[in-house]
Amino acid sequence: MEETICLLVFLCFSPISAGDGIAHNCSEYVNEGLGVDCQCIDRAPVGDTRAYQVTWPGHSNTSRLKLSAVSRNDNGSTFVCLAERPGSIENTTFTLQVACELCTRV
């Protein structure tokens, strides 16, 4: 008789979502009541010395996006990471998906 073994596995990772020269590592889902702390990353090709000025307009003047205690009302909020350097402006977006117990769509 064969024995069946079942494992419950939780995977946690930081996805990379990108424009051509930038990316963010914000989590796909955030539990209600917890915060968000992620970065927008310059992915310029090796040897390209023209660094981007990276910001989250309206939220942060740096490459770091930090939100505290998100709620179900924040679900679906979109945050834009803007990267500027001479001759180039790029952006990538992060849409906050709040995971909560007994959530209903707002």
N, C-alpha and C. Protein backbone atom coordinates (compact mmCIF):
# COMPACT_ATOMS: atom_id res chain seq x y z
N MET A 1 0.84 -1.17 0.00
CA MET A 1 0.00 0.00 0.00
C MET A 1 0.89 1.24 0.00
N GLU A 2 0.60 2.18 -0.89
CA GLU A 2 1.36 3.43 -0.96
C GLU A 2 0.86 4.43 0.07
N GLU A 3 1.80 5.13 0.64
CA GLU A 3 1.45 6.16 1.61
C GLU A 3 1.51 7.52 0.93
N THR A 4 0.51 8.35 1.16
CA THR A 4 0.49 9.70 0.59
C THR A 4 0.91 10.69 1.67
N ILE A 5 1.85 11.54 1.31
CA ILE A 5 2.32 12.58 2.23
C ILE A 5 1.93 13.93 1.65
N CYS A 6 1.27 14.74 2.42
CA CYS A 6 0.86 16.07 1.99
C CYS A 6 1.61 17.11 2.82
N LEU A 7 2.09 18.12 2.18
CA LEU A 7 2.80 19.20 2.86
C LEU A 7 2.09 20.51 2.60
N LEU A 8 1.97 21.32 3.63
CA LEU A 8 1.42 22.66 3.49
C LEU A 8 2.61 23.60 3.47
N VAL A 9 2.77 24.31 2.37
CA VAL A 9 3.94 25.17 2.19
C VAL A 9 3.50 26.60 1.95
N PHE A 10 4.12 27.54 2.67
CA PHE A 10 3.89 28.96 2.45
C PHE A 10 5.14 29.52 1.81
N LEU A 11 4.99 30.16 0.68
CA LEU A 11 6.13 30.77 0.01
C LEU A 11 6.05 32.28 0.16
N CYS A 12 7.12 32.88 0.61
CA CYS A 12 7.19 34.33 0.72
C CYS A 12 8.31 34.80 -0.18
N PHE A 13 8.04 35.81 -0.98
CA PHE A 13 9.06 36.31 -1.88
C PHE A 13 8.80 37.76 -2.19
N SER A 14 9.80 38.39 -2.74
CA SER A 14 9.66 39.77 -3.20
C SER A 14 9.67 39.76 -4.72
N PRO A 15 8.49 39.90 -5.32
CA PRO A 15 8.45 39.89 -6.78
C PRO A 15 9.12 41.14 -7.34
N ILE A 16 9.63 41.01 -8.53
CA ILE A 16 10.23 42.15 -9.21
C ILE A 16 9.29 42.52 -10.35
N SER A 17 8.76 43.73 -10.29
CA SER A 17 7.92 44.25 -11.36
C SER A 17 8.68 45.40 -11.97
N ALA A 18 8.74 45.44 -13.28
CA ALA A 18 9.70 46.36 -13.88
C ALA A 18 9.19 47.12 -15.08
N GLY A 19 9.78 48.30 -15.24
CA GLY A 19 9.78 49.03 -16.49
C GLY A 19 11.09 48.63 -17.14
N ASP A 20 11.54 49.32 -18.18
CA ASP A 20 12.78 48.94 -18.84
C ASP A 20 14.00 49.10 -17.95
N GLY A 21 14.09 50.21 -17.23
CA GLY A 21 15.29 50.46 -16.44
C GLY A 21 15.07 50.48 -14.95
N ILE A 22 13.83 50.26 -14.49
CA ILE A 22 13.54 50.28 -13.06
C ILE A 22 12.64 49.11 -12.71
N ALA A 23 12.61 48.79 -11.43
CA ALA A 23 11.76 47.71 -10.94
C ALA A 23 11.41 48.01 -9.50
N HIS A 24 10.40 47.32 -8.96
CA HIS A 24 10.13 47.43 -7.52
C HIS A 24 10.06 46.03 -6.93
N ASN A 25 10.29 45.94 -5.63
CA ASN A 25 10.23 44.65 -4.96
C ASN A 25 9.12 44.61 -3.91
N CYS A 26 8.03 45.34 -4.17
CA CYS A 26 6.90 45.37 -3.25
C CYS A 26 6.18 44.01 -3.27
N SER A 27 5.75 43.55 -2.11
CA SER A 27 5.04 42.27 -2.01
C SER A 27 3.72 42.33 -2.75
N GLU A 28 3.35 41.22 -3.34
CA GLU A 28 2.11 41.16 -4.10
C GLU A 28 0.89 41.35 -3.20
N TYR A 29 0.92 40.75 -2.00
CA TYR A 29 -0.16 40.88 -1.04
C TYR A 29 0.40 41.33 0.30
N VAL A 30 -0.38 42.14 1.02
CA VAL A 30 0.01 42.60 2.35
C VAL A 30 -1.16 42.33 3.29
N ASN A 31 -0.90 41.69 4.42
CA ASN A 31 -1.96 41.42 5.39
C ASN A 31 -2.46 42.71 6.03
N GLU A 32 -3.77 42.78 6.21
CA GLU A 32 -4.39 43.94 6.84
C GLU A 32 -3.74 44.19 8.20
N GLY A 33 -3.42 45.44 8.49
CA GLY A 33 -2.81 45.81 9.75
C GLY A 33 -1.29 45.87 9.70
N LEU A 34 -0.71 45.24 8.68
CA LEU A 34 0.74 45.29 8.53
C LEU A 34 1.14 46.44 7.62
N GLY A 35 2.42 46.67 7.51
CA GLY A 35 2.92 47.76 6.68
C GLY A 35 3.58 47.27 5.41
N VAL A 36 3.92 48.22 4.58
CA VAL A 36 4.63 47.98 3.33
C VAL A 36 5.97 48.70 3.44
N ASP A 37 7.03 48.03 3.07
CA ASP A 37 8.36 48.65 3.04
C ASP A 37 9.09 48.03 1.85
N CYS A 38 9.17 48.78 0.76
CA CYS A 38 9.79 48.23 -0.44
C CYS A 38 10.59 49.30 -1.16
N GLN A 39 11.33 48.88 -2.16
CA GLN A 39 12.23 49.76 -2.89
C GLN A 39 11.90 49.76 -4.37
N CYS A 40 12.18 50.88 -5.00
CA CYS A 40 12.19 50.98 -6.44
C CYS A 40 13.66 50.93 -6.83
N ILE A 41 14.00 50.05 -7.75
CA ILE A 41 15.39 49.72 -8.03
C ILE A 41 15.78 50.15 -9.45
N ASP A 42 16.93 50.79 -9.56
CA ASP A 42 17.50 51.19 -10.84
C ASP A 42 18.09 49.94 -11.50
N ARG A 43 17.55 49.55 -12.66
CA ARG A 43 18.06 48.37 -13.37
C ARG A 43 18.78 48.78 -14.64
N ALA A 44 19.49 49.90 -14.58
CA ALA A 44 20.23 50.35 -15.75
C ALA A 44 21.27 49.31 -16.13
N PRO A 45 21.56 49.18 -17.42
CA PRO A 45 22.56 48.20 -17.86
C PRO A 45 23.92 48.44 -17.22
N VAL A 46 24.66 47.38 -17.03
CA VAL A 46 26.02 47.47 -16.48
C VAL A 46 26.83 48.43 -17.34
N GLY A 47 27.54 49.32 -16.69
CA GLY A 47 28.37 50.29 -17.42
C GLY A 47 27.67 51.61 -17.69
N ASP A 48 26.34 51.65 -17.50
CA ASP A 48 25.60 52.90 -17.68
C ASP A 48 25.76 53.71 -16.39
N THR A 49 26.49 54.77 -16.46
CA THR A 49 26.80 55.54 -15.25
C THR A 49 25.78 56.64 -14.95
N ARG A 50 24.79 56.79 -15.81
CA ARG A 50 23.78 57.84 -15.59
C ARG A 50 22.73 57.32 -14.61
N ALA A 51 22.92 57.60 -13.36
CA ALA A 51 22.00 57.10 -12.33
C ALA A 51 20.64 57.80 -12.40
N TYR A 52 19.62 57.06 -12.11
CA TYR A 52 18.26 57.60 -12.03
C TYR A 52 18.05 58.31 -10.70
N GLN A 53 17.22 59.35 -10.70
CA GLN A 53 16.68 59.93 -9.46
C GLN A 53 15.33 59.25 -9.29
N VAL A 54 15.20 58.41 -8.26
CA VAL A 54 14.02 57.57 -8.10
C VAL A 54 13.17 58.07 -6.94
N THR A 55 11.86 58.24 -7.17
CA THR A 55 10.92 58.70 -6.14
C THR A 55 9.57 57.98 -6.31
N TRP A 56 8.76 58.08 -5.27
CA TRP A 56 7.36 57.65 -5.30
C TRP A 56 6.55 58.94 -5.10
N PRO A 57 6.26 59.70 -6.17
CA PRO A 57 5.60 61.01 -6.05
C PRO A 57 4.35 60.98 -5.16
N GLY A 58 4.31 61.95 -4.24
CA GLY A 58 3.19 62.04 -3.30
C GLY A 58 3.35 61.17 -2.08
N HIS A 59 4.39 60.31 -2.06
CA HIS A 59 4.57 59.38 -0.94
C HIS A 59 5.98 59.37 -0.40
N SER A 60 6.99 59.54 -1.27
CA SER A 60 8.37 59.48 -0.83
C SER A 60 9.28 60.18 -1.84
N ASN A 61 10.24 60.93 -1.33
CA ASN A 61 11.23 61.58 -2.20
C ASN A 61 12.47 60.72 -2.39
N THR A 62 12.37 59.47 -1.97
CA THR A 62 13.47 58.52 -2.14
C THR A 62 12.96 57.29 -2.88
N SER A 63 13.82 56.32 -3.05
CA SER A 63 13.43 55.08 -3.74
C SER A 63 12.64 54.14 -2.83
N ARG A 64 12.49 54.50 -1.56
CA ARG A 64 11.82 53.64 -0.59
C ARG A 64 10.36 54.07 -0.38
N LEU A 65 9.45 53.11 -0.50
CA LEU A 65 8.04 53.34 -0.20
C LEU A 65 7.74 52.65 1.12
N LYS A 66 7.25 53.41 2.07
CA LYS A 66 6.94 52.85 3.39
C LYS A 66 5.53 53.29 3.77
N LEU A 67 4.66 52.31 4.01
CA LEU A 67 3.28 52.55 4.44
C LEU A 67 3.08 51.77 5.73
N SER A 68 2.33 52.34 6.65
CA SER A 68 2.10 51.63 7.91
C SER A 68 0.64 51.23 8.04
N ALA A 69 0.40 50.10 8.67
CA ALA A 69 -0.93 49.60 9.03
C ALA A 69 -1.95 49.77 7.91
N VAL A 70 -1.78 49.04 6.81
CA VAL A 70 -2.74 49.13 5.72
C VAL A 70 -4.07 48.49 6.13
N SER A 71 -5.14 49.00 5.55
CA SER A 71 -6.47 48.46 5.85
C SER A 71 -7.15 48.03 4.56
N ARG A 72 -8.28 47.35 4.71
CA ARG A 72 -9.03 46.91 3.53
C ARG A 72 -9.44 48.09 2.65
N ASN A 73 -9.56 49.28 3.24
CA ASN A 73 -9.90 50.48 2.45
C ASN A 73 -8.76 50.90 1.53
N ASP A 74 -7.54 50.44 1.81
CA ASP A 74 -6.38 50.75 0.97
C ASP A 74 -6.27 49.80 -0.21
N ASN A 75 -7.03 48.71 -0.18
CA ASN A 75 -6.95 47.71 -1.24
C ASN A 75 -7.19 48.35 -2.61
N GLY A 76 -6.31 48.05 -3.56
CA GLY A 76 -6.44 48.58 -4.91
C GLY A 76 -5.75 49.90 -5.12
N SER A 77 -5.19 50.50 -4.06
CA SER A 77 -4.46 51.76 -4.22
C SER A 77 -3.25 51.54 -5.11
N THR A 78 -3.00 52.49 -6.00
CA THR A 78 -1.89 52.38 -6.94
C THR A 78 -0.82 53.40 -6.59
N PHE A 79 0.42 52.96 -6.59
CA PHE A 79 1.56 53.81 -6.29
C PHE A 79 2.50 53.77 -7.50
N VAL A 80 2.97 54.94 -7.92
CA VAL A 80 3.84 55.03 -9.09
C VAL A 80 5.25 55.35 -8.65
N CYS A 81 6.19 54.56 -9.11
CA CYS A 81 7.61 54.84 -8.91
C CYS A 81 8.09 55.54 -10.17
N LEU A 82 8.70 56.71 -10.00
CA LEU A 82 9.17 57.51 -11.12
C LEU A 82 10.69 57.58 -11.08
N ALA A 83 11.32 57.28 -12.20
CA ALA A 83 12.78 57.33 -12.30
C ALA A 83 13.16 58.31 -13.41
N GLU A 84 13.94 59.31 -13.04
CA GLU A 84 14.34 60.33 -14.00
C GLU A 84 15.85 60.44 -14.08
N ARG A 85 16.33 60.64 -15.27
CA ARG A 85 17.73 60.98 -15.52
C ARG A 85 17.76 61.77 -16.81
N PRO A 86 18.84 62.47 -17.10
CA PRO A 86 18.88 63.28 -18.32
C PRO A 86 18.49 62.46 -19.56
N GLY A 87 17.47 62.93 -20.24
CA GLY A 87 17.03 62.29 -21.48
C GLY A 87 16.12 61.09 -21.29
N SER A 88 15.72 60.77 -20.05
CA SER A 88 14.90 59.58 -19.84
C SER A 88 14.03 59.72 -18.59
N ILE A 89 12.76 59.38 -18.74
CA ILE A 89 11.84 59.29 -17.61
C ILE A 89 11.13 57.95 -17.74
N GLU A 90 11.16 57.15 -16.67
CA GLU A 90 10.49 55.86 -16.69
C GLU A 90 9.65 55.71 -15.43
N ASN A 91 8.68 54.82 -15.49
CA ASN A 91 7.89 54.55 -14.28
C ASN A 91 7.45 53.10 -14.25
N THR A 92 7.14 52.66 -13.07
CA THR A 92 6.54 51.35 -12.85
C THR A 92 5.53 51.53 -11.72
N THR A 93 4.50 50.71 -11.70
CA THR A 93 3.45 50.88 -10.70
C THR A 93 3.37 49.68 -9.76
N PHE A 94 2.84 49.94 -8.59
CA PHE A 94 2.57 48.92 -7.58
C PHE A 94 1.12 49.11 -7.16
N THR A 95 0.32 48.06 -7.29
CA THR A 95 -1.07 48.10 -6.83
C THR A 95 -1.16 47.29 -5.55
N LEU A 96 -1.56 47.96 -4.48
CA LEU A 96 -1.65 47.34 -3.16
C LEU A 96 -2.84 46.38 -3.11
N GLN A 97 -2.57 45.13 -2.75
CA GLN A 97 -3.63 44.14 -2.56
C GLN A 97 -3.59 43.72 -1.10
N VAL A 98 -4.63 44.10 -0.39
CA VAL A 98 -4.69 43.83 1.05
C VAL A 98 -5.40 42.50 1.30
N ALA A 99 -4.71 41.62 2.00
CA ALA A 99 -5.28 40.33 2.38
C ALA A 99 -5.84 40.49 3.79
N CYS A 100 -7.12 40.15 3.96
CA CYS A 100 -7.70 40.30 5.28
C CYS A 100 -8.74 39.22 5.52
N GLU A 101 -9.00 38.97 6.78
CA GLU A 101 -9.98 37.97 7.16
C GLU A 101 -11.38 38.53 6.93
N LEU A 102 -12.22 37.78 6.24
CA LEU A 102 -13.61 38.18 6.00
C LEU A 102 -13.72 39.52 5.28
N CYS A 103 -12.84 39.76 4.33
CA CYS A 103 -12.90 41.01 3.55
C CYS A 103 -14.09 41.01 2.61
N THR A 104 -14.64 42.17 2.41
CA THR A 104 -15.62 42.36 1.37
C THR A 104 -15.10 43.49 0.49
N ARG A 105 -15.44 43.46 -0.77
CA ARG A 105 -14.94 44.50 -1.67
C ARG A 105 -15.54 45.82 -1.30
N VAL A 106 -14.70 46.85 -1.28
CA VAL A 106 -15.14 48.21 -0.95
C VAL A 106 -15.16 49.04 -2.19
